[in-house]
Amino acid sequence: MEKVLFIVNPVSGGKSKKSCLKAIERHLDRGKYSYRIAMTEYAGHAVELARDSEERIVVAVGGDGTVSEVARGLTGTGKIFGIIPCGSGDGLALHLGISRNHRKAVEVLNSGVVREMDHGLVDGEPFFCTVGVGFDAIVAQRFADSSSRGLVTYITKALGTWMSFVPDTYKVTVDGETLECQAAMITVGNAGQWGNQARITSLASVADGLLDVAIVHPFRTVEIPVLAVKLLTGKAHTSSRVTMLRGKNIVIERSSEGPAHRDGDPTVMGERISFETVPSSLPVMVPEGCKI
């Protein structure tokens, strides 16, 4: 019988985890698994719990931050990673086809399908979904500071930020080829989306050994609805305002250090930011037939 550790962030996404815990209790296959639950108590605790666990399967129960912490703790250990998404964005889970319906997410664990996924490094630090600079990084900071969560709050913060936003000039180097341009924002994706099905690096795969880059060039306010539809329908790559690049080693240079986001968490990064990919570094449980 396989042993499973569920690492639960009780405050992620501002949501109660009672329904997640009930779904585990009711629907986890007890003929296949035994389990225990550990609650996180502080930032970084999920990394420690995952790294030090005796269980071979470790499941993140929470949002993008919890998912990223658990994945960081598991990388290089050979342990298997699982997700029950309970956050405000759930970018990696949605990319992997894992439902926000808790019963369906538990059924992914029961099916036992495991694939090897890549992860990225940004300035030597691991990430699993996306890293961004520019407009969306400023929005991520304001969203994190908000007392409410969800897509409506994110859109409200984005529209407010847009009214005073000024694009920056960047140099983007992908596998030795350099492009200099103005950009509203730049996203480097191991996976395809920010969360909530907003698919910015819309052609990304977590199993191709490459990172995708979406450069969103300056656009007019009147163009926002069209760009938003393309994001939410997985067609960002078809926009004339978006340049897509792909490679193993990426460098972004800008005028000064400033806001950035990594796997949904706002941070500050320097004027030169380097990325690389680490192929097939993390076994992850996914739905049957899922193309990751």
C-alpha atoms as a PDB file:
ATOM      1  CA  MET A   1       0.000   0.000   0.000  1.00  0.00           C
ATOM      2  CA  GLU A   2       1.349   3.411  -0.999  1.00  0.00           C
ATOM      3  CA  LYS A   3       1.699   6.117   1.637  1.00  0.00           C
ATOM      4  CA  VAL A   4       0.490   9.616   0.760  1.00  0.00           C
ATOM      5  CA  LEU A   5       1.160  12.917   2.506  1.00  0.00           C
ATOM      6  CA  PHE A   6      -1.327  15.743   1.902  1.00  0.00           C
ATOM      7  CA  ILE A   7       0.236  19.140   2.631  1.00  0.00           C
ATOM      8  CA  VAL A   8      -2.564  21.628   3.265  1.00  0.00           C
ATOM      9  CA  ASN A   9      -2.263  25.398   3.319  1.00  0.00           C
ATOM     10  CA  PRO A  10      -5.255  26.397   5.476  1.00  0.00           C
ATOM     11  CA  VAL A  11      -5.285  30.015   4.245  1.00  0.00           C
ATOM     12  CA  SER A  12      -4.474  29.783   0.505  1.00  0.00           C
ATOM     13  CA  GLY A  13      -6.881  31.597  -1.787  1.00  0.00           C
ATOM     14  CA  GLY A  14      -8.862  32.791   1.211  1.00  0.00           C
ATOM     15  CA  LYS A  15     -10.861  29.544   1.037  1.00  0.00           C
ATOM     16  CA  SER A  16     -11.793  26.964   3.646  1.00  0.00           C
ATOM     17  CA  LYS A  17     -10.207  23.572   3.063  1.00  0.00           C
ATOM     18  CA  LYS A  18     -13.050  21.607   4.688  1.00  0.00           C
ATOM     19  CA  SER A  19     -14.460  20.415   1.359  1.00  0.00           C
ATOM     20  CA  CYS A  20     -10.978  19.365   0.184  1.00  0.00           C
ATOM     21  CA  LEU A  21     -10.418  17.331   3.326  1.00  0.00           C
ATOM     22  CA  LYS A  22     -13.863  15.744   3.081  1.00  0.00           C
ATOM     23  CA  ALA A  23     -13.186  14.754  -0.540  1.00  0.00           C
ATOM     24  CA  ILE A  24      -9.934  13.074   0.499  1.00  0.00           C
ATOM     25  CA  GLU A  25     -11.654  11.216   3.324  1.00  0.00           C
ATOM     26  CA  ARG A  26     -14.585  10.071   1.209  1.00  0.00           C
ATOM     27  CA  HIS A  27     -13.037   9.375  -2.179  1.00  0.00           C
ATOM     28  CA  LEU A  28      -9.374   8.398  -1.800  1.00  0.00           C
ATOM     29  CA  ASP A  29      -8.912   4.723  -2.685  1.00  0.00           C
ATOM     30  CA  ARG A  30      -8.131   3.127   0.697  1.00  0.00           C
ATOM     31  CA  GLY A  31      -7.335  -0.175  -0.989  1.00  0.00           C
ATOM     32  CA  LYS A  32      -4.425   1.561  -2.707  1.00  0.00           C
ATOM     33  CA  TYR A  33      -3.379   4.329  -0.307  1.00  0.00           C
ATOM     34  CA  SER A  34      -2.916   5.156   3.343  1.00  0.00           C
ATOM     35  CA  TYR A  35      -2.465   8.816   4.168  1.00  0.00           C
ATOM     36  CA  ARG A  36      -1.787  11.548   6.652  1.00  0.00           C
ATOM     37  CA  ILE A  37      -2.385  15.299   6.546  1.00  0.00           C
ATOM     38  CA  ALA A  38       0.046  18.051   7.520  1.00  0.00           C
ATOM     39  CA  MET A  39      -0.985  21.704   7.840  1.00  0.00           C
ATOM     40  CA  THR A  40       1.465  24.465   6.920  1.00  0.00           C
ATOM     41  CA  GLU A  41       2.175  27.021   9.618  1.00  0.00           C
ATOM     42  CA  TYR A  42       4.395  29.603   7.903  1.00  0.00           C
ATOM     43  CA  ALA A  43       5.866  30.602   4.543  1.00  0.00           C
ATOM     44  CA  GLY A  44       8.276  27.919   3.301  1.00  0.00           C
ATOM     45  CA  HIS A  45       6.888  25.249   5.631  1.00  0.00           C
ATOM     46  CA  ALA A  46       5.501  23.228   2.700  1.00  0.00           C
ATOM     47  CA  VAL A  47       9.008  22.981   1.218  1.00  0.00           C
ATOM     48  CA  GLU A  48      10.297  21.472   4.468  1.00  0.00           C
ATOM     49  CA  LEU A  49       7.355  19.102   4.883  1.00  0.00           C
ATOM     50  CA  ALA A  50       7.686  17.803   1.326  1.00  0.00           C
ATOM     51  CA  ARG A  51      11.457  17.419   1.464  1.00  0.00           C
ATOM     52  CA  ASP A  52      11.461  15.637   4.818  1.00  0.00           C
ATOM     53  CA  SER A  53       8.425  13.385   4.243  1.00  0.00           C
ATOM     54  CA  GLU A  54       8.739   9.620   4.410  1.00  0.00           C
ATOM     55  CA  GLU A  55       5.832   9.148   1.973  1.00  0.00           C
ATOM     56  CA  ARG A  56       6.539   8.407  -1.691  1.00  0.00           C
ATOM     57  CA  ILE A  57       3.561  10.498  -2.877  1.00  0.00           C
ATOM     58  CA  VAL A  58       3.179  14.089  -1.661  1.00  0.00           C
ATOM     59  CA  VAL A  59       0.106  16.130  -2.594  1.00  0.00           C
ATOM     60  CA  ALA A  60      -0.215  19.918  -2.413  1.00  0.00           C
ATOM     61  CA  VAL A  61      -3.643  21.062  -1.232  1.00  0.00           C
ATOM     62  CA  GLY A  62      -3.819  24.797  -1.851  1.00  0.00           C
ATOM     63  CA  GLY A  63      -3.096  27.466  -4.433  1.00  0.00           C
ATOM     64  CA  ASP A  64      -0.172  28.300  -6.693  1.00  0.00           C
ATOM     65  CA  GLY A  65       2.119  29.273  -3.833  1.00  0.00           C
ATOM     66  CA  THR A  66       1.530  26.013  -1.970  1.00  0.00           C
ATOM     67  CA  VAL A  67       1.925  24.010  -5.179  1.00  0.00           C
ATOM     68  CA  SER A  68       5.230  25.735  -5.910  1.00  0.00           C
ATOM     69  CA  GLU A  69       6.543  25.180  -2.371  1.00  0.00           C
ATOM     70  CA  VAL A  70       5.685  21.479  -2.374  1.00  0.00           C
ATOM     71  CA  ALA A  71       7.193  21.029  -5.824  1.00  0.00           C
ATOM     72  CA  ARG A  72      10.405  22.759  -4.698  1.00  0.00           C
ATOM     73  CA  GLY A  73      10.641  20.369  -1.788  1.00  0.00           C
ATOM     74  CA  LEU A  74      10.191  17.334  -4.037  1.00  0.00           C
ATOM     75  CA  THR A  75      12.488  18.234  -6.932  1.00  0.00           C
ATOM     76  CA  GLY A  76      15.405  15.855  -7.072  1.00  0.00           C
ATOM     77  CA  THR A  77      13.999  13.464  -4.449  1.00  0.00           C
ATOM     78  CA  GLY A  78      12.269  11.014  -6.806  1.00  0.00           C
ATOM     79  CA  LYS A  79       9.035  11.377  -4.845  1.00  0.00           C
ATOM     80  CA  ILE A  80       5.770  11.734  -6.765  1.00  0.00           C
ATOM     81  CA  PHE A  81       3.935  15.058  -6.819  1.00  0.00           C
ATOM     82  CA  GLY A  82       0.154  15.474  -6.713  1.00  0.00           C
ATOM     83  CA  ILE A  83      -2.176  18.484  -6.616  1.00  0.00           C
ATOM     84  CA  ILE A  84      -5.640  19.183  -5.250  1.00  0.00           C
ATOM     85  CA  PRO A  85      -6.190  22.786  -6.361  1.00  0.00           C
ATOM     86  CA  CYS A  86      -7.845  25.069  -3.798  1.00  0.00           C
ATOM     87  CA  GLY A  87      -6.437  28.497  -4.670  1.00  0.00           C
ATOM     88  CA  SER A  88      -7.411  31.669  -6.471  1.00  0.00           C
ATOM     89  CA  GLY A  89      -5.578  30.926  -9.738  1.00  0.00           C
ATOM     90  CA  ASP A  90      -4.431  27.270  -9.767  1.00  0.00           C
ATOM     91  CA  GLY A  91      -2.309  27.778 -12.886  1.00  0.00           C
ATOM     92  CA  LEU A  92      -0.220  24.600 -12.873  1.00  0.00           C
ATOM     93  CA  ALA A  93      -3.134  22.372 -11.887  1.00  0.00           C
ATOM     94  CA  LEU A  94      -5.313  23.707 -14.691  1.00  0.00           C
ATOM     95  CA  HIS A  95      -2.461  23.331 -17.190  1.00  0.00           C
ATOM     96  CA  LEU A  96      -2.161  19.683 -16.161  1.00  0.00           C
ATOM     97  CA  GLY A  97      -5.893  19.153 -16.591  1.00  0.00           C
ATOM     98  CA  ILE A  98      -6.553  18.673 -12.865  1.00  0.00           C
ATOM     99  CA  SER A  99     -10.088  19.735 -11.998  1.00  0.00           C
ATOM    100  CA  ARG A 100     -11.001  22.225  -9.299  1.00  0.00           C
ATOM    101  CA  ASN A 101     -13.772  19.795  -8.399  1.00  0.00           C
ATOM    102  CA  HIS A 102     -12.244  18.161  -5.338  1.00  0.00           C
ATOM    103  CA  ARG A 103     -13.707  14.720  -5.958  1.00  0.00           C
ATOM    104  CA  LYS A 104     -12.344  14.708  -9.520  1.00  0.00           C
ATOM    105  CA  ALA A 105      -8.945  15.859  -8.273  1.00  0.00           C
ATOM    106  CA  VAL A 106      -8.855  12.959  -5.798  1.00  0.00           C
ATOM    107  CA  GLU A 107      -9.827  10.589  -8.604  1.00  0.00           C
ATOM    108  CA  VAL A 108      -6.678  11.689 -10.466  1.00  0.00           C
ATOM    109  CA  LEU A 109      -4.698  10.345  -7.517  1.00  0.00           C
ATOM    110  CA  ASN A 110      -6.714   7.113  -7.568  1.00  0.00           C
ATOM    111  CA  SER A 111      -5.960   6.564 -11.266  1.00  0.00           C
ATOM    112  CA  GLY A 112      -2.225   6.584 -10.497  1.00  0.00           C
ATOM    113  CA  VAL A 113      -1.067   8.030 -13.842  1.00  0.00           C
ATOM    114  CA  VAL A 114       2.404   9.579 -13.464  1.00  0.00           C
ATOM    115  CA  ARG A 115       4.298  11.685 -16.019  1.00  0.00           C
ATOM    116  CA  GLU A 116       7.694  13.370 -15.804  1.00  0.00           C
ATOM    117  CA  MET A 117       7.507  17.175 -15.937  1.00  0.00           C
ATOM    118  CA  ASP A 118      10.181  19.831 -16.362  1.00  0.00           C
ATOM    119  CA  HIS A 119      10.800  22.798 -14.147  1.00  0.00           C
ATOM    120  CA  GLY A 120      12.534  26.097 -14.757  1.00  0.00           C
ATOM    121  CA  LEU A 121      15.192  28.064 -12.924  1.00  0.00           C
ATOM    122  CA  VAL A 122      15.076  31.846 -12.640  1.00  0.00           C
ATOM    123  CA  ASP A 123      18.345  33.267 -11.339  1.00  0.00           C
ATOM    124  CA  GLY A 124      19.009  29.773  -9.991  1.00  0.00           C
ATOM    125  CA  GLU A 125      15.705  29.467  -8.122  1.00  0.00           C
ATOM    126  CA  PRO A 126      13.100  26.878  -9.233  1.00  0.00           C
ATOM    127  CA  PHE A 127       9.719  27.697 -10.741  1.00  0.00           C
ATOM    128  CA  PHE A 128       7.087  25.402 -12.185  1.00  0.00           C
ATOM    129  CA  CYS A 129       4.444  27.537 -13.895  1.00  0.00           C
ATOM    130  CA  THR A 130       5.312  31.114 -14.964  1.00  0.00           C
ATOM    131  CA  VAL A 131       7.565  34.060 -14.179  1.00  0.00           C
ATOM    132  CA  GLY A 132       6.701  37.553 -15.369  1.00  0.00           C
ATOM    133  CA  VAL A 133       7.838  41.171 -15.405  1.00  0.00           C
ATOM    134  CA  GLY A 134       6.043  44.349 -16.385  1.00  0.00           C
ATOM    135  CA  PHE A 135       2.354  45.137 -16.097  1.00  0.00           C
ATOM    136  CA  ASP A 136       1.197  41.765 -14.741  1.00  0.00           C
ATOM    137  CA  ALA A 137       3.929  41.808 -12.083  1.00  0.00           C
ATOM    138  CA  ILE A 138       2.610  45.120 -10.765  1.00  0.00           C
ATOM    139  CA  VAL A 139      -0.918  43.690 -10.802  1.00  0.00           C
ATOM    140  CA  ALA A 140       0.292  40.576  -8.962  1.00  0.00           C
ATOM    141  CA  GLN A 141       1.694  42.779  -6.177  1.00  0.00           C
ATOM    142  CA  ARG A 142      -1.539  44.739  -5.863  1.00  0.00           C
ATOM    143  CA  PHE A 143      -3.613  41.557  -5.998  1.00  0.00           C
ATOM    144  CA  ALA A 144      -1.499  39.994  -3.224  1.00  0.00           C
ATOM    145  CA  ASP A 145      -2.055  43.078  -1.074  1.00  0.00           C
ATOM    146  CA  SER A 146      -5.829  42.874  -1.567  1.00  0.00           C
ATOM    147  CA  SER A 147      -8.125  41.431   1.100  1.00  0.00           C
ATOM    148  CA  SER A 148     -10.171  39.537  -1.526  1.00  0.00           C
ATOM    149  CA  ARG A 149      -9.278  36.913  -4.164  1.00  0.00           C
ATOM    150  CA  GLY A 150     -10.638  35.536  -7.426  1.00  0.00           C
ATOM    151  CA  LEU A 151     -10.826  36.558 -11.075  1.00  0.00           C
ATOM    152  CA  VAL A 152     -13.064  39.591 -10.495  1.00  0.00           C
ATOM    153  CA  THR A 153     -10.596  41.080  -8.002  1.00  0.00           C
ATOM    154  CA  TYR A 154      -7.693  40.411 -10.353  1.00  0.00           C
ATOM    155  CA  ILE A 155      -9.452  42.137 -13.268  1.00  0.00           C
ATOM    156  CA  THR A 156     -10.334  45.122 -11.064  1.00  0.00           C
ATOM    157  CA  LYS A 157      -6.707  45.521  -9.975  1.00  0.00           C
ATOM    158  CA  ALA A 158      -5.512  45.133 -13.565  1.00  0.00           C
ATOM    159  CA  LEU A 159      -7.802  47.850 -14.902  1.00  0.00           C
ATOM    160  CA  GLY A 160      -6.787  50.208 -12.111  1.00  0.00           C
ATOM    161  CA  THR A 161      -3.082  49.590 -12.769  1.00  0.00           C
ATOM    162  CA  TRP A 162      -3.480  50.097 -16.506  1.00  0.00           C
ATOM    163  CA  MET A 163      -4.606  53.708 -16.133  1.00  0.00           C
ATOM    164  CA  SER A 164      -1.125  54.854 -15.033  1.00  0.00           C
ATOM    165  CA  PHE A 165       1.072  52.160 -16.558  1.00  0.00           C
ATOM    166  CA  VAL A 166       4.141  53.038 -18.691  1.00  0.00           C
ATOM    167  CA  PRO A 167       5.810  50.240 -20.761  1.00  0.00           C
ATOM    168  CA  ASP A 168       9.533  49.537 -20.392  1.00  0.00           C
ATOM    169  CA  THR A 169      12.208  48.661 -22.957  1.00  0.00           C
ATOM    170  CA  TYR A 170      13.707  45.154 -22.768  1.00  0.00           C
ATOM    171  CA  LYS A 171      16.397  42.992 -24.297  1.00  0.00           C
ATOM    172  CA  VAL A 172      15.289  39.378 -24.547  1.00  0.00           C
ATOM    173  CA  THR A 173      17.911  36.782 -25.460  1.00  0.00           C
ATOM    174  CA  VAL A 174      16.781  33.244 -26.257  1.00  0.00           C
ATOM    175  CA  ASP A 175      19.514  30.663 -26.917  1.00  0.00           C
ATOM    176  CA  GLY A 176      21.891  33.424 -28.070  1.00  0.00           C
ATOM    177  CA  GLU A 177      19.440  35.346 -30.291  1.00  0.00           C
ATOM    178  CA  THR A 178      18.568  38.847 -28.987  1.00  0.00           C
ATOM    179  CA  LEU A 179      15.434  40.916 -29.521  1.00  0.00           C
ATOM    180  CA  GLU A 180      15.202  44.501 -28.230  1.00  0.00           C
ATOM    181  CA  CYS A 181      11.702  45.915 -27.866  1.00  0.00           C
ATOM    182  CA  GLN A 182       9.194  47.839 -25.820  1.00  0.00           C
ATOM    183  CA  ALA A 183       6.832  45.599 -23.914  1.00  0.00           C
ATOM    184  CA  ALA A 184       3.869  45.933 -21.623  1.00  0.00           C
ATOM    185  CA  MET A 185       4.852  42.632 -20.022  1.00  0.00           C
ATOM    186  CA  ILE A 186       6.970  39.549 -20.602  1.00  0.00           C
ATOM    187  CA  THR A 187       6.115  36.094 -19.306  1.00  0.00           C
ATOM    188  CA  VAL A 188       8.416  33.067 -19.261  1.00  0.00           C
ATOM    189  CA  GLY A 189       6.378  29.887 -18.967  1.00  0.00           C
ATOM    190  CA  ASN A 190       7.235  26.334 -18.104  1.00  0.00           C
ATOM    191  CA  ALA A 191       3.465  25.810 -18.145  1.00  0.00           C
ATOM    192  CA  GLY A 192       0.905  27.685 -20.192  1.00  0.00           C
ATOM    193  CA  GLN A 193      -1.035  30.006 -17.929  1.00  0.00           C
ATOM    194  CA  TRP A 194      -1.153  32.495 -15.105  1.00  0.00           C
ATOM    195  CA  GLY A 195      -4.239  30.791 -13.665  1.00  0.00           C
ATOM    196  CA  ASN A 196      -8.017  30.875 -14.072  1.00  0.00           C
ATOM    197  CA  GLN A 197      -7.496  29.624 -17.663  1.00  0.00           C
ATOM    198  CA  ALA A 198      -5.709  32.846 -18.684  1.00  0.00           C
ATOM    199  CA  ARG A 199      -3.259  31.100 -21.016  1.00  0.00           C
ATOM    200  CA  ILE A 200      -0.432  33.552 -21.744  1.00  0.00           C
ATOM    201  CA  THR A 201       2.277  31.117 -22.926  1.00  0.00           C
ATOM    202  CA  SER A 202      -0.491  29.282 -24.702  1.00  0.00           C
ATOM    203  CA  LEU A 203       1.617  26.705 -26.575  1.00  0.00           C
ATOM    204  CA  ALA A 204       3.819  25.703 -23.643  1.00  0.00           C
ATOM    205  CA  SER A 205       4.393  22.112 -22.559  1.00  0.00           C
ATOM    206  CA  VAL A 206       5.875  21.044 -19.225  1.00  0.00           C
ATOM    207  CA  ALA A 207       7.429  18.011 -20.907  1.00  0.00           C
ATOM    208  CA  ASP A 208       9.337  19.408 -23.912  1.00  0.00           C
ATOM    209  CA  GLY A 209      12.569  20.511 -22.218  1.00  0.00           C
ATOM    210  CA  LEU A 210      11.948  24.128 -23.259  1.00  0.00           C
ATOM    211  CA  LEU A 211      10.643  27.397 -21.837  1.00  0.00           C
ATOM    212  CA  ASP A 212       8.164  29.594 -23.716  1.00  0.00           C
ATOM    213  CA  VAL A 213       8.378  33.394 -23.762  1.00  0.00           C
ATOM    214  CA  ALA A 214       5.380  35.653 -24.417  1.00  0.00           C
ATOM    215  CA  ILE A 215       6.288  39.280 -25.149  1.00  0.00           C
ATOM    216  CA  VAL A 216       3.172  41.439 -25.024  1.00  0.00           C
ATOM    217  CA  HIS A 217       3.889  44.669 -26.888  1.00  0.00           C
ATOM    218  CA  PRO A 218       2.217  47.965 -25.896  1.00  0.00           C
ATOM    219  CA  PHE A 219      -1.466  48.080 -26.791  1.00  0.00           C
ATOM    220  CA  ARG A 220      -4.361  50.527 -26.600  1.00  0.00           C
ATOM    221  CA  THR A 221      -7.076  50.363 -23.962  1.00  0.00           C
ATOM    222  CA  VAL A 222      -9.670  49.634 -26.638  1.00  0.00           C
ATOM    223  CA  GLU A 223      -7.770  46.413 -27.490  1.00  0.00           C
ATOM    224  CA  ILE A 224      -8.062  44.941 -23.979  1.00  0.00           C
ATOM    225  CA  PRO A 225     -11.312  42.992 -24.577  1.00  0.00           C
ATOM    226  CA  VAL A 226      -9.889  41.258 -27.673  1.00  0.00           C
ATOM    227  CA  LEU A 227      -6.637  40.404 -25.889  1.00  0.00           C
ATOM    228  CA  ALA A 228      -8.583  39.101 -22.883  1.00  0.00           C
ATOM    229  CA  VAL A 229     -10.667  36.797 -25.080  1.00  0.00           C
ATOM    230  CA  LYS A 230      -7.513  35.433 -26.714  1.00  0.00           C
ATOM    231  CA  LEU A 231      -5.982  34.772 -23.283  1.00  0.00           C
ATOM    232  CA  LEU A 232      -9.048  32.943 -22.000  1.00  0.00           C
ATOM    233  CA  THR A 233      -9.463  30.842 -25.163  1.00  0.00           C
ATOM    234  CA  GLY A 234      -5.815  29.754 -25.393  1.00  0.00           C
ATOM    235  CA  LYS A 235      -5.095  31.867 -28.480  1.00  0.00           C
ATOM    236  CA  ALA A 236      -2.674  34.474 -27.136  1.00  0.00           C
ATOM    237  CA  HIS A 237      -0.132  33.308 -29.698  1.00  0.00           C
ATOM    238  CA  THR A 238      -2.404  34.512 -32.544  1.00  0.00           C
ATOM    239  CA  SER A 239      -2.442  38.149 -31.385  1.00  0.00           C
ATOM    240  CA  SER A 240      -0.495  40.721 -33.422  1.00  0.00           C
ATOM    241  CA  ARG A 241       0.481  42.296 -30.093  1.00  0.00           C
ATOM    242  CA  VAL A 242       2.221  39.127 -28.866  1.00  0.00           C
ATOM    243  CA  THR A 243       5.585  37.688 -29.890  1.00  0.00           C
ATOM    244  CA  MET A 244       6.206  34.088 -28.858  1.00  0.00           C
ATOM    245  CA  LEU A 245       9.716  32.649 -28.452  1.00  0.00           C
ATOM    246  CA  ARG A 246      10.957  29.306 -27.172  1.00  0.00           C
ATOM    247  CA  GLY A 247      14.300  28.014 -25.924  1.00  0.00           C
ATOM    248  CA  LYS A 248      16.388  26.447 -23.172  1.00  0.00           C
ATOM    249  CA  ASN A 249      18.318  29.488 -21.952  1.00  0.00           C
ATOM    250  CA  ILE A 250      16.728  32.932 -21.687  1.00  0.00           C
ATOM    251  CA  VAL A 251      17.912  36.317 -20.421  1.00  0.00           C
ATOM    252  CA  ILE A 252      15.678  39.352 -19.880  1.00  0.00           C
ATOM    253  CA  GLU A 253      17.369  42.744 -19.429  1.00  0.00           C
ATOM    254  CA  ARG A 254      15.554  45.918 -18.394  1.00  0.00           C
ATOM    255  CA  SER A 255      16.397  49.421 -17.236  1.00  0.00           C
ATOM    256  CA  SER A 256      16.370  48.664 -13.502  1.00  0.00           C
ATOM    257  CA  GLU A 257      15.296  46.135 -10.916  1.00  0.00           C
ATOM    258  CA  GLY A 258      11.590  46.035 -10.226  1.00  0.00           C
ATOM    259  CA  PRO A 259       8.426  43.998  -9.694  1.00  0.00           C
ATOM    260  CA  ALA A 260       8.206  40.397 -10.883  1.00  0.00           C
ATOM    261  CA  HIS A 261       6.090  37.376 -10.090  1.00  0.00           C
ATOM    262  CA  ARG A 262       7.085  33.733  -9.755  1.00  0.00           C
ATOM    263  CA  ASP A 263       4.413  31.036  -9.707  1.00  0.00           C
ATOM    264  CA  GLY A 264       1.827  33.605  -8.716  1.00  0.00           C
ATOM    265  CA  ASP A 265       3.823  35.165  -5.871  1.00  0.00           C
ATOM    266  CA  PRO A 266       4.992  38.782  -6.260  1.00  0.00           C
ATOM    267  CA  THR A 267       8.660  39.517  -5.734  1.00  0.00           C
ATOM    268  CA  VAL A 268      11.426  41.876  -6.881  1.00  0.00           C
ATOM    269  CA  MET A 269      14.038  40.860  -9.446  1.00  0.00           C
ATOM    270  CA  GLY A 270      17.075  42.601 -10.907  1.00  0.00           C
ATOM    271  CA  GLU A 271      17.687  44.408 -14.164  1.00  0.00           C
ATOM    272  CA  ARG A 272      19.139  41.176 -15.629  1.00  0.00           C
ATOM    273  CA  ILE A 273      17.122  37.980 -15.116  1.00  0.00           C
ATOM    274  CA  SER A 274      18.328  34.604 -16.379  1.00  0.00           C
ATOM    275  CA  PHE A 275      16.309  31.455 -16.999  1.00  0.00           C
ATOM    276  CA  GLU A 276      17.049  27.852 -17.844  1.00  0.00           C
ATOM    277  CA  THR A 277      15.068  24.637 -18.024  1.00  0.00           C
ATOM    278  CA  VAL A 278      15.576  21.413 -16.101  1.00  0.00           C
ATOM    279  CA  PRO A 279      13.986  18.587 -18.126  1.00  0.00           C
ATOM    280  CA  SER A 280      12.061  15.635 -16.676  1.00  0.00           C
ATOM    281  CA  SER A 281      12.835  16.658 -13.112  1.00  0.00           C
ATOM    282  CA  LEU A 282       9.584  15.909 -11.263  1.00  0.00           C
ATOM    283  CA  PRO A 283       7.154  12.944 -11.457  1.00  0.00           C
ATOM    284  CA  VAL A 284       3.599  14.330 -11.326  1.00  0.00           C
ATOM    285  CA  MET A 285       0.175  12.671 -11.148  1.00  0.00           C
ATOM    286  CA  VAL A 286      -2.118  13.715 -14.002  1.00  0.00           C
ATOM    287  CA  PRO A 287      -5.511  12.696 -15.447  1.00  0.00           C
ATOM    288  CA  GLU A 288      -5.571   9.749 -17.811  1.00  0.00           C
ATOM    289  CA  GLY A 289      -4.902  10.816 -21.403  1.00  0.00           C
ATOM    290  CA  CYS A 290      -3.661  14.276 -20.391  1.00  0.00           C
ATOM    291  CA  LYS A 291      -1.093  15.879 -22.697  1.00  0.00           C
ATOM    292  CA  ILE A 292       1.157  17.960 -20.490  1.00  0.00           C
END
